[in-house]
């Protein structure tokens, strides 16, 4: 039902010094005056144009006068990587920070160097990570950021302020990746999985020495079928294969591996100190067998 403004009752105004009752719509005198002025101007314009005054509805706008000036934004021909937030990778997530560290980026900034001419296909980082993975459409892999455990895969533990190609993955055709706090998981187009970074908690798989604490170049993770999707927690990994089975490996605390236990145990029979299992060999999540898992997070 359409109702003209003139058929509506005038707004109720509270008496001076009193409050309006709950649910009452009030309008200040200045607002009423403004409305009356706008209405008068609208009716005057309609009369001048030869039209009859309307029931309070604004007159149609002049078609030749644009209401809004729109600036056309031309999208870039290729994907552009932008970032914002902290760029002090060496100190990120640490209790103490360097007073001379670069300032935070408070808005989106285009990455200046390192990926020129690369057609980007995939970006990976995480809420616990201080490093980034960028994948080109041809399968090339680039990493940068904090590297205190070799999580960048360059064979050392030197922080990189900008993208650098991971030479150890040349020819692997990496199609996706995920990042933990100090480790990285790469998935190739053929479904093979490669990990690097902190090894002590089982995150990089069993293809490293038992006493190794870091793995600075990506190594293949044995015991997995062709993997379709992968995700990282701070110190554990989840994956699903092309058949829909889910897999997990890494640090078992809080039951994050989905195997029915958190792996808590005393470090020694005579000690009250607790620790958790480091499951370096990927295992199926048995409770999900028979269900087709298509994504993990």
C-alpha atoms as a PDB file:
ATOM      1  CA  UNK A   1       0.000   0.000   0.000  1.00  0.00           C
ATOM      2  CA  UNK A   2       1.439   3.369  -1.042  1.00  0.00           C
ATOM      3  CA  UNK A   3       0.948   6.302   1.290  1.00  0.00           C
ATOM      4  CA  UNK A   4       1.861   9.881   0.465  1.00  0.00           C
ATOM      5  CA  UNK A   5       3.854  11.874   2.942  1.00  0.00           C
ATOM      6  CA  UNK A   6       1.007  14.436   3.244  1.00  0.00           C
ATOM      7  CA  UNK A   7      -1.431  11.743   4.406  1.00  0.00           C
ATOM      8  CA  UNK A   8       0.818  10.762   7.299  1.00  0.00           C
ATOM      9  CA  UNK A   9       0.202  12.305  10.743  1.00  0.00           C
ATOM     10  CA  UNK A  10       2.768  14.855  11.872  1.00  0.00           C
ATOM     11  CA  UNK A  11       5.580  13.453  13.998  1.00  0.00           C
ATOM     12  CA  UNK A  12       4.908  13.402  17.724  1.00  0.00           C
ATOM     13  CA  UNK A  13       7.130  15.721  19.703  1.00  0.00           C
ATOM     14  CA  UNK A  14       7.649  15.441  23.467  1.00  0.00           C
ATOM     15  CA  UNK A  15       6.827  18.415  25.629  1.00  0.00           C
ATOM     16  CA  UNK A  16       9.805  20.549  26.604  1.00  0.00           C
ATOM     17  CA  UNK A  17      11.726  18.998  29.474  1.00  0.00           C
ATOM     18  CA  UNK A  18      10.187  15.539  28.975  1.00  0.00           C
ATOM     19  CA  UNK A  19      11.383  12.367  27.250  1.00  0.00           C
ATOM     20  CA  UNK A  20       9.596  10.740  24.350  1.00  0.00           C
ATOM     21  CA  UNK A  21       7.696   7.555  25.245  1.00  0.00           C
ATOM     22  CA  UNK A  22       9.362   4.290  24.249  1.00  0.00           C
ATOM     23  CA  UNK A  23       8.834   3.430  20.594  1.00  0.00           C
ATOM     24  CA  UNK A  24       7.945   7.009  19.559  1.00  0.00           C
ATOM     25  CA  UNK A  25       9.708   8.380  16.497  1.00  0.00           C
ATOM     26  CA  UNK A  26      10.756  11.963  17.094  1.00  0.00           C
ATOM     27  CA  UNK A  27      12.177  14.540  14.719  1.00  0.00           C
ATOM     28  CA  UNK A  28      14.044  17.638  15.783  1.00  0.00           C
ATOM     29  CA  UNK A  29      12.779  21.059  14.705  1.00  0.00           C
ATOM     30  CA  UNK A  30      15.874  21.568  12.578  1.00  0.00           C
ATOM     31  CA  UNK A  31      15.203  18.299  10.742  1.00  0.00           C
ATOM     32  CA  UNK A  32      11.552  19.291  10.144  1.00  0.00           C
ATOM     33  CA  UNK A  33      12.618  22.673   8.836  1.00  0.00           C
ATOM     34  CA  UNK A  34      15.094  20.997   6.486  1.00  0.00           C
ATOM     35  CA  UNK A  35      12.430  18.608   5.180  1.00  0.00           C
ATOM     36  CA  UNK A  36       9.979  21.474   4.617  1.00  0.00           C
ATOM     37  CA  UNK A  37      12.622  23.417   2.721  1.00  0.00           C
ATOM     38  CA  UNK A  38      13.503  20.452   0.498  1.00  0.00           C
ATOM     39  CA  UNK A  39       9.829  19.771  -0.180  1.00  0.00           C
ATOM     40  CA  UNK A  40       9.205  23.399  -1.129  1.00  0.00           C
ATOM     41  CA  UNK A  41      12.199  23.420  -3.472  1.00  0.00           C
ATOM     42  CA  UNK A  42      11.039  20.181  -5.101  1.00  0.00           C
ATOM     43  CA  UNK A  43       7.510  21.487  -5.682  1.00  0.00           C
ATOM     44  CA  UNK A  44       8.843  24.797  -6.995  1.00  0.00           C
ATOM     45  CA  UNK A  45      11.041  22.984  -9.506  1.00  0.00           C
ATOM     46  CA  UNK A  46       8.147  20.783 -10.603  1.00  0.00           C
ATOM     47  CA  UNK A  47       5.945  23.875 -11.137  1.00  0.00           C
ATOM     48  CA  UNK A  48       8.687  25.644 -13.096  1.00  0.00           C
ATOM     49  CA  UNK A  49       9.035  22.584 -15.356  1.00  0.00           C
ATOM     50  CA  UNK A  50       5.304  22.615 -16.062  1.00  0.00           C
ATOM     51  CA  UNK A  51       4.446  19.590 -13.961  1.00  0.00           C
ATOM     52  CA  UNK A  52       1.853  19.434 -11.239  1.00  0.00           C
ATOM     53  CA  UNK A  53       3.229  19.366  -7.696  1.00  0.00           C
ATOM     54  CA  UNK A  54       3.543  15.805  -6.500  1.00  0.00           C
ATOM     55  CA  UNK A  55       2.461  14.391  -3.167  1.00  0.00           C
ATOM     56  CA  UNK A  56       5.800  15.135  -1.590  1.00  0.00           C
ATOM     57  CA  UNK A  57       7.844  12.820  -3.811  1.00  0.00           C
ATOM     58  CA  UNK A  58      11.081  14.321  -5.148  1.00  0.00           C
ATOM     59  CA  UNK A  59      10.996  15.422  -8.778  1.00  0.00           C
ATOM     60  CA  UNK A  60      12.856  13.229 -11.288  1.00  0.00           C
ATOM     61  CA  UNK A  61      16.483  14.157 -11.672  1.00  0.00           C
ATOM     62  CA  UNK A  62      17.669  15.816 -14.867  1.00  0.00           C
ATOM     63  CA  UNK A  63      18.773  12.972 -17.118  1.00  0.00           C
ATOM     64  CA  UNK A  64      21.657  15.064 -18.445  1.00  0.00           C
ATOM     65  CA  UNK A  65      23.200  15.609 -15.012  1.00  0.00           C
ATOM     66  CA  UNK A  66      25.092  12.579 -13.644  1.00  0.00           C
ATOM     67  CA  UNK A  67      24.234  11.885 -10.020  1.00  0.00           C
ATOM     68  CA  UNK A  68      27.566  10.204  -9.278  1.00  0.00           C
ATOM     69  CA  UNK A  69      30.909  10.602 -10.956  1.00  0.00           C
ATOM     70  CA  UNK A  70      32.245   7.083 -11.436  1.00  0.00           C
ATOM     71  CA  UNK A  71      35.924   6.523 -12.080  1.00  0.00           C
ATOM     72  CA  UNK A  72      36.552   3.434 -14.149  1.00  0.00           C
ATOM     73  CA  UNK A  73      39.065   1.074 -12.535  1.00  0.00           C
ATOM     74  CA  UNK A  74      40.879  -1.132 -15.014  1.00  0.00           C
ATOM     75  CA  UNK A  75      41.927  -4.453 -13.444  1.00  0.00           C
ATOM     76  CA  UNK A  76      45.522  -5.581 -13.996  1.00  0.00           C
ATOM     77  CA  UNK A  77      46.145  -8.023 -16.826  1.00  0.00           C
ATOM     78  CA  UNK A  78      47.783 -10.484 -14.411  1.00  0.00           C
ATOM     79  CA  UNK A  79      47.154 -11.287 -10.725  1.00  0.00           C
ATOM     80  CA  UNK A  80      48.880  -8.860  -8.351  1.00  0.00           C
ATOM     81  CA  UNK A  81      50.064  -9.837  -4.870  1.00  0.00           C
ATOM     82  CA  UNK A  82      49.314  -7.333  -2.108  1.00  0.00           C
ATOM     83  CA  UNK A  83      50.070  -7.601   1.584  1.00  0.00           C
ATOM     84  CA  UNK A  84      49.511  -5.642   4.784  1.00  0.00           C
ATOM     85  CA  UNK A  85      50.279  -5.970   8.476  1.00  0.00           C
ATOM     86  CA  UNK A  86      53.636  -6.781  10.027  1.00  0.00           C
ATOM     87  CA  UNK A  87      56.588  -7.309   7.714  1.00  0.00           C
ATOM     88  CA  UNK A  88      59.135  -7.784  10.487  1.00  0.00           C
ATOM     89  CA  UNK A  89      59.373 -11.515   9.790  1.00  0.00           C
ATOM     90  CA  UNK A  90      62.356 -12.109  12.066  1.00  0.00           C
ATOM     91  CA  UNK A  91      60.509 -10.833  15.133  1.00  0.00           C
ATOM     92  CA  UNK A  92      56.900 -11.701  14.310  1.00  0.00           C
ATOM     93  CA  UNK A  93      55.092 -13.597  17.090  1.00  0.00           C
ATOM     94  CA  UNK A  94      57.974 -13.089  19.522  1.00  0.00           C
ATOM     95  CA  UNK A  95      57.544 -11.429  22.907  1.00  0.00           C
ATOM     96  CA  UNK A  96      60.233  -8.823  22.311  1.00  0.00           C
ATOM     97  CA  UNK A  97      60.485  -6.738  19.165  1.00  0.00           C
ATOM     98  CA  UNK A  98      63.227  -4.708  17.546  1.00  0.00           C
ATOM     99  CA  UNK A  99      62.608  -0.948  17.949  1.00  0.00           C
ATOM    100  CA  UNK A 100      64.374  -0.392  14.613  1.00  0.00           C
ATOM    101  CA  UNK A 101      62.159  -2.883  12.770  1.00  0.00           C
ATOM    102  CA  UNK A 102      60.326  -1.767   9.624  1.00  0.00           C
ATOM    103  CA  UNK A 103      56.900  -0.211  10.259  1.00  0.00           C
ATOM    104  CA  UNK A 104      53.695  -2.175   9.919  1.00  0.00           C
ATOM    105  CA  UNK A 105      51.799  -1.848   6.643  1.00  0.00           C
ATOM    106  CA  UNK A 106      48.444  -0.418   7.674  1.00  0.00           C
ATOM    107  CA  UNK A 107      46.848  -0.917   4.263  1.00  0.00           C
ATOM    108  CA  UNK A 108      47.306  -3.114   1.179  1.00  0.00           C
ATOM    109  CA  UNK A 109      50.694  -2.709  -0.487  1.00  0.00           C
ATOM    110  CA  UNK A 110      51.765  -4.283  -3.749  1.00  0.00           C
ATOM    111  CA  UNK A 111      54.786  -6.553  -3.413  1.00  0.00           C
ATOM    112  CA  UNK A 112      57.595  -4.604  -5.010  1.00  0.00           C
ATOM    113  CA  UNK A 113      60.157  -7.145  -6.150  1.00  0.00           C
ATOM    114  CA  UNK A 114      60.816 -10.835  -6.564  1.00  0.00           C
ATOM    115  CA  UNK A 115      57.802 -12.006  -8.572  1.00  0.00           C
ATOM    116  CA  UNK A 116      58.081  -9.825 -11.659  1.00  0.00           C
ATOM    117  CA  UNK A 117      56.941 -11.724 -14.731  1.00  0.00           C
ATOM    118  CA  UNK A 118      55.574 -14.632 -12.674  1.00  0.00           C
ATOM    119  CA  UNK A 119      51.941 -15.541 -13.262  1.00  0.00           C
ATOM    120  CA  UNK A 120      50.727 -16.322  -9.751  1.00  0.00           C
ATOM    121  CA  UNK A 121      48.464 -19.304  -9.191  1.00  0.00           C
ATOM    122  CA  UNK A 122      48.500 -19.924  -5.414  1.00  0.00           C
ATOM    123  CA  UNK A 123      49.461 -18.148  -2.184  1.00  0.00           C
ATOM    124  CA  UNK A 124      49.860 -19.869   1.188  1.00  0.00           C
ATOM    125  CA  UNK A 125      50.503 -18.585   4.693  1.00  0.00           C
ATOM    126  CA  UNK A 126      48.831 -19.096   8.057  1.00  0.00           C
ATOM    127  CA  UNK A 127      47.738 -17.419  11.267  1.00  0.00           C
ATOM    128  CA  UNK A 128      50.672 -18.994  13.152  1.00  0.00           C
ATOM    129  CA  UNK A 129      53.185 -18.435  10.342  1.00  0.00           C
ATOM    130  CA  UNK A 130      55.667 -15.670   9.672  1.00  0.00           C
ATOM    131  CA  UNK A 131      56.512 -16.932   6.201  1.00  0.00           C
ATOM    132  CA  UNK A 132      54.798 -17.060   2.819  1.00  0.00           C
ATOM    133  CA  UNK A 133      54.673 -19.424  -0.169  1.00  0.00           C
ATOM    134  CA  UNK A 134      53.840 -18.245  -3.695  1.00  0.00           C
ATOM    135  CA  UNK A 135      53.342 -20.664  -6.571  1.00  0.00           C
ATOM    136  CA  UNK A 136      53.560 -19.805 -10.239  1.00  0.00           C
ATOM    137  CA  UNK A 137      51.180 -21.209 -12.821  1.00  0.00           C
ATOM    138  CA  UNK A 138      54.023 -23.337 -14.177  1.00  0.00           C
ATOM    139  CA  UNK A 139      54.673 -24.923 -10.771  1.00  0.00           C
ATOM    140  CA  UNK A 140      57.593 -22.739  -9.703  1.00  0.00           C
ATOM    141  CA  UNK A 141      57.819 -22.238  -5.936  1.00  0.00           C
ATOM    142  CA  UNK A 142      58.868 -19.071  -4.100  1.00  0.00           C
ATOM    143  CA  UNK A 143      59.130 -18.512  -0.347  1.00  0.00           C
ATOM    144  CA  UNK A 144      60.064 -15.655   1.966  1.00  0.00           C
ATOM    145  CA  UNK A 145      59.799 -14.602   5.595  1.00  0.00           C
ATOM    146  CA  UNK A 146      61.130 -16.066   8.821  1.00  0.00           C
ATOM    147  CA  UNK A 147      63.406 -19.066   8.400  1.00  0.00           C
ATOM    148  CA  UNK A 148      64.609 -20.012  11.876  1.00  0.00           C
ATOM    149  CA  UNK A 149      63.946 -23.728  11.257  1.00  0.00           C
ATOM    150  CA  UNK A 150      64.572 -23.928   7.525  1.00  0.00           C
ATOM    151  CA  UNK A 151      60.865 -23.616   6.715  1.00  0.00           C
ATOM    152  CA  UNK A 152      61.614 -21.688   3.515  1.00  0.00           C
ATOM    153  CA  UNK A 153      63.345 -24.712   1.995  1.00  0.00           C
ATOM    154  CA  UNK A 154      66.488 -22.921   0.795  1.00  0.00           C
ATOM    155  CA  UNK A 155      68.980 -25.160   2.603  1.00  0.00           C
ATOM    156  CA  UNK A 156      69.782 -22.639   5.332  1.00  0.00           C
ATOM    157  CA  UNK A 157      68.122 -20.753   8.187  1.00  0.00           C
ATOM    158  CA  UNK A 158      68.484 -17.211   6.874  1.00  0.00           C
ATOM    159  CA  UNK A 159      65.397 -14.988   6.846  1.00  0.00           C
ATOM    160  CA  UNK A 160      64.369 -13.748   3.395  1.00  0.00           C
ATOM    161  CA  UNK A 161      62.717 -10.301   3.164  1.00  0.00           C
ATOM    162  CA  UNK A 162      61.377 -11.037  -0.320  1.00  0.00           C
ATOM    163  CA  UNK A 163      60.445 -13.941  -2.610  1.00  0.00           C
ATOM    164  CA  UNK A 164      63.171 -16.388  -3.587  1.00  0.00           C
ATOM    165  CA  UNK A 165      62.795 -19.439  -5.799  1.00  0.00           C
ATOM    166  CA  UNK A 166      63.058 -22.811  -3.989  1.00  0.00           C
ATOM    167  CA  UNK A 167      65.609 -24.540  -6.187  1.00  0.00           C
ATOM    168  CA  UNK A 168      65.158 -27.906  -4.435  1.00  0.00           C
ATOM    169  CA  UNK A 169      61.613 -28.074  -5.841  1.00  0.00           C
ATOM    170  CA  UNK A 170      62.533 -27.289  -9.444  1.00  0.00           C
ATOM    171  CA  UNK A 171      60.740 -29.707 -11.733  1.00  0.00           C
ATOM    172  CA  UNK A 172      58.328 -30.890  -9.010  1.00  0.00           C
ATOM    173  CA  UNK A 173      55.398 -28.841 -10.378  1.00  0.00           C
ATOM    174  CA  UNK A 174      54.058 -27.786  -6.979  1.00  0.00           C
ATOM    175  CA  UNK A 175      50.324 -27.023  -7.138  1.00  0.00           C
ATOM    176  CA  UNK A 176      49.439 -26.166  -3.518  1.00  0.00           C
ATOM    177  CA  UNK A 177      51.074 -25.576  -0.150  1.00  0.00           C
ATOM    178  CA  UNK A 178      50.360 -24.901   3.514  1.00  0.00           C
ATOM    179  CA  UNK A 179      52.366 -23.356   6.340  1.00  0.00           C
ATOM    180  CA  UNK A 180      52.659 -24.078  10.046  1.00  0.00           C
ATOM    181  CA  UNK A 181      54.453 -22.087  12.705  1.00  0.00           C
ATOM    182  CA  UNK A 182      57.897 -23.242  11.579  1.00  0.00           C
ATOM    183  CA  UNK A 183      57.313 -25.793   8.820  1.00  0.00           C
ATOM    184  CA  UNK A 184      55.951 -25.908   5.285  1.00  0.00           C
ATOM    185  CA  UNK A 185      54.125 -28.568   3.280  1.00  0.00           C
ATOM    186  CA  UNK A 186      54.201 -28.606  -0.535  1.00  0.00           C
ATOM    187  CA  UNK A 187      51.917 -30.749  -2.716  1.00  0.00           C
ATOM    188  CA  UNK A 188      52.934 -31.568  -6.291  1.00  0.00           C
ATOM    189  CA  UNK A 189      50.541 -32.047  -9.174  1.00  0.00           C
ATOM    190  CA  UNK A 190      51.146 -35.799  -9.028  1.00  0.00           C
ATOM    191  CA  UNK A 191      49.958 -35.830  -5.390  1.00  0.00           C
ATOM    192  CA  UNK A 192      53.369 -36.282  -3.762  1.00  0.00           C
ATOM    193  CA  UNK A 193      54.000 -34.327  -0.544  1.00  0.00           C
ATOM    194  CA  UNK A 194      57.228 -32.559   0.423  1.00  0.00           C
ATOM    195  CA  UNK A 195      58.006 -30.912   3.778  1.00  0.00           C
ATOM    196  CA  UNK A 196      60.700 -28.784   5.372  1.00  0.00           C
ATOM    197  CA  UNK A 197      61.243 -26.879   8.610  1.00  0.00           C
ATOM    198  CA  UNK A 198      60.941 -27.881  12.263  1.00  0.00           C
ATOM    199  CA  UNK A 199      61.261 -31.671  12.457  1.00  0.00           C
ATOM    200  CA  UNK A 200      61.292 -32.400  16.181  1.00  0.00           C
ATOM    201  CA  UNK A 201      57.497 -32.621  16.490  1.00  0.00           C
ATOM    202  CA  UNK A 202      57.039 -34.891  13.489  1.00  0.00           C
ATOM    203  CA  UNK A 203      55.741 -32.197  11.138  1.00  0.00           C
ATOM    204  CA  UNK A 204      58.059 -32.976   8.215  1.00  0.00           C
ATOM    205  CA  UNK A 205      57.440 -36.724   8.211  1.00  0.00           C
ATOM    206  CA  UNK A 206      59.650 -39.713   8.931  1.00  0.00           C
ATOM    207  CA  UNK A 207      62.109 -39.186   6.079  1.00  0.00           C
ATOM    208  CA  UNK A 208      64.564 -37.377   8.372  1.00  0.00           C
ATOM    209  CA  UNK A 209      66.885 -38.511  11.149  1.00  0.00           C
ATOM    210  CA  UNK A 210      65.202 -39.334  14.452  1.00  0.00           C
ATOM    211  CA  UNK A 211      67.260 -36.722  16.286  1.00  0.00           C
ATOM    212  CA  UNK A 212      66.993 -34.056  13.597  1.00  0.00           C
ATOM    213  CA  UNK A 213      65.408 -30.831  14.807  1.00  0.00           C
ATOM    214  CA  UNK A 214      65.279 -29.042  11.456  1.00  0.00           C
ATOM    215  CA  UNK A 215      65.054 -29.960   7.786  1.00  0.00           C
ATOM    216  CA  UNK A 216      66.191 -27.046   5.630  1.00  0.00           C
ATOM    217  CA  UNK A 217      65.301 -28.486   2.209  1.00  0.00           C
ATOM    218  CA  UNK A 218      62.001 -30.143   1.258  1.00  0.00           C
ATOM    219  CA  UNK A 219      61.926 -33.938   1.568  1.00  0.00           C
ATOM    220  CA  UNK A 220      59.309 -36.360   0.324  1.00  0.00           C
ATOM    221  CA  UNK A 221      56.893 -37.623   2.976  1.00  0.00           C
ATOM    222  CA  UNK A 222      56.648 -41.428   2.694  1.00  0.00           C
ATOM    223  CA  UNK A 223      53.540 -43.444   3.467  1.00  0.00           C
ATOM    224  CA  UNK A 224      51.014 -41.252   1.670  1.00  0.00           C
ATOM    225  CA  UNK A 225      48.886 -41.911  -1.419  1.00  0.00           C
ATOM    226  CA  UNK A 226      48.278 -39.141  -3.954  1.00  0.00           C
ATOM    227  CA  UNK A 227      47.158 -36.141  -1.902  1.00  0.00           C
ATOM    228  CA  UNK A 228      44.469 -33.745  -3.120  1.00  0.00           C
ATOM    229  CA  UNK A 229      44.439 -31.131  -0.322  1.00  0.00           C
ATOM    230  CA  UNK A 230      46.572 -30.260   2.699  1.00  0.00           C
ATOM    231  CA  UNK A 231      46.391 -27.929   5.711  1.00  0.00           C
ATOM    232  CA  UNK A 232      48.700 -27.107   8.611  1.00  0.00           C
ATOM    233  CA  UNK A 233      48.178 -26.288  12.240  1.00  0.00           C
ATOM    234  CA  UNK A 234      50.991 -24.727  14.235  1.00  0.00           C
ATOM    235  CA  UNK A 235      52.799 -28.062  14.520  1.00  0.00           C
ATOM    236  CA  UNK A 236      50.709 -30.710  12.764  1.00  0.00           C
ATOM    237  CA  UNK A 237      49.351 -31.480   9.302  1.00  0.00           C
ATOM    238  CA  UNK A 238      46.098 -32.762   7.827  1.00  0.00           C
ATOM    239  CA  UNK A 239      45.591 -34.058   4.307  1.00  0.00           C
ATOM    240  CA  UNK A 240      42.985 -35.806   2.207  1.00  0.00           C
ATOM    241  CA  UNK A 241      43.712 -38.079  -0.723  1.00  0.00           C
ATOM    242  CA  UNK A 242      41.994 -38.518  -4.058  1.00  0.00           C
ATOM    243  CA  UNK A 243      39.845 -41.333  -2.599  1.00  0.00           C
ATOM    244  CA  UNK A 244      38.499 -39.089   0.179  1.00  0.00           C
ATOM    245  CA  UNK A 245      40.489 -40.563   3.081  1.00  0.00           C
ATOM    246  CA  UNK A 246      41.870 -38.141   5.697  1.00  0.00           C
ATOM    247  CA  UNK A 247      45.430 -38.304   7.017  1.00  0.00           C
ATOM    248  CA  UNK A 248      47.261 -36.654   9.930  1.00  0.00           C
ATOM    249  CA  UNK A 249      50.778 -36.384  11.301  1.00  0.00           C
ATOM    250  CA  UNK A 250      52.770 -34.161  13.646  1.00  0.00           C
ATOM    251  CA  UNK A 251      52.350 -33.153  17.305  1.00  0.00           C
ATOM    252  CA  UNK A 252      49.439 -34.917  19.017  1.00  0.00           C
ATOM    253  CA  UNK A 253      48.626 -32.424  21.802  1.00  0.00           C
ATOM    254  CA  UNK A 254      44.907 -31.602  22.272  1.00  0.00           C
ATOM    255  CA  UNK A 255      43.957 -34.580  20.093  1.00  0.00           C
ATOM    256  CA  UNK A 256      44.469 -32.603  16.880  1.00  0.00           C
ATOM    257  CA  UNK A 257      45.427 -35.728  14.915  1.00  0.00           C
ATOM    258  CA  UNK A 258      41.963 -37.214  15.328  1.00  0.00           C
ATOM    259  CA  UNK A 259      43.240 -40.629  16.396  1.00  0.00           C
ATOM    260  CA  UNK A 260      41.323 -40.806  19.673  1.00  0.00           C
ATOM    261  CA  UNK A 261      44.130 -39.683  21.982  1.00  0.00           C
ATOM    262  CA  UNK A 262      46.154 -36.593  22.771  1.00  0.00           C
ATOM    263  CA  UNK A 263      49.304 -38.693  23.223  1.00  0.00           C
ATOM    264  CA  UNK A 264      49.988 -37.309  26.685  1.00  0.00           C
ATOM    265  CA  UNK A 265      52.610 -39.203  28.705  1.00  0.00           C
ATOM    266  CA  UNK A 266      55.209 -38.713  31.409  1.00  0.00           C
ATOM    267  CA  UNK A 267      58.653 -38.037  30.034  1.00  0.00           C
ATOM    268  CA  UNK A 268      60.045 -40.542  32.542  1.00  0.00           C
ATOM    269  CA  UNK A 269      58.436 -43.012  34.916  1.00  0.00           C
ATOM    270  CA  UNK A 270      59.901 -41.089  37.841  1.00  0.00           C
ATOM    271  CA  UNK A 271      58.943 -37.661  36.481  1.00  0.00           C
ATOM    272  CA  UNK A 272      55.735 -35.646  36.650  1.00  0.00           C
ATOM    273  CA  UNK A 273      56.705 -33.732  33.530  1.00  0.00           C
ATOM    274  CA  UNK A 274      54.304 -34.337  30.657  1.00  0.00           C
ATOM    275  CA  UNK A 275      54.929 -34.490  26.943  1.00  0.00           C
ATOM    276  CA  UNK A 276      53.057 -35.588  23.819  1.00  0.00           C
ATOM    277  CA  UNK A 277      53.673 -37.971  20.968  1.00  0.00           C
ATOM    278  CA  UNK A 278      55.355 -36.791  17.800  1.00  0.00           C
ATOM    279  CA  UNK A 279      53.709 -38.824  15.056  1.00  0.00           C
ATOM    280  CA  UNK A 280      56.092 -38.463  12.126  1.00  0.00           C
ATOM    281  CA  UNK A 281      54.445 -41.129   9.959  1.00  0.00           C
ATOM    282  CA  UNK A 282      51.136 -40.029   8.389  1.00  0.00           C
ATOM    283  CA  UNK A 283      48.195 -42.154   9.489  1.00  0.00           C
ATOM    284  CA  UNK A 284      44.620 -42.390   8.299  1.00  0.00           C
ATOM    285  CA  UNK A 285      41.993 -40.902  10.572  1.00  0.00           C
ATOM    286  CA  UNK A 286      40.084 -44.135  11.106  1.00  0.00           C
ATOM    287  CA  UNK A 287      36.921 -42.521  12.447  1.00  0.00           C
ATOM    288  CA  UNK A 288      36.461 -40.812   9.075  1.00  0.00           C
ATOM    289  CA  UNK A 289      36.902 -43.897   6.933  1.00  0.00           C
ATOM    290  CA  UNK A 290      33.843 -44.475   4.806  1.00  0.00           C
ATOM    291  CA  UNK A 291      33.253 -40.716   4.596  1.00  0.00           C
ATOM    292  CA  UNK A 292      34.529 -38.824   1.580  1.00  0.00           C
ATOM    293  CA  UNK A 293      36.663 -35.942   2.878  1.00  0.00           C
ATOM    294  CA  UNK A 294      37.150 -33.229   0.266  1.00  0.00           C
ATOM    295  CA  UNK A 295      38.791 -30.414   2.290  1.00  0.00           C
ATOM    296  CA  UNK A 296      40.844 -30.054   5.467  1.00  0.00           C
ATOM    297  CA  UNK A 297      41.613 -26.955   7.527  1.00  0.00           C
END
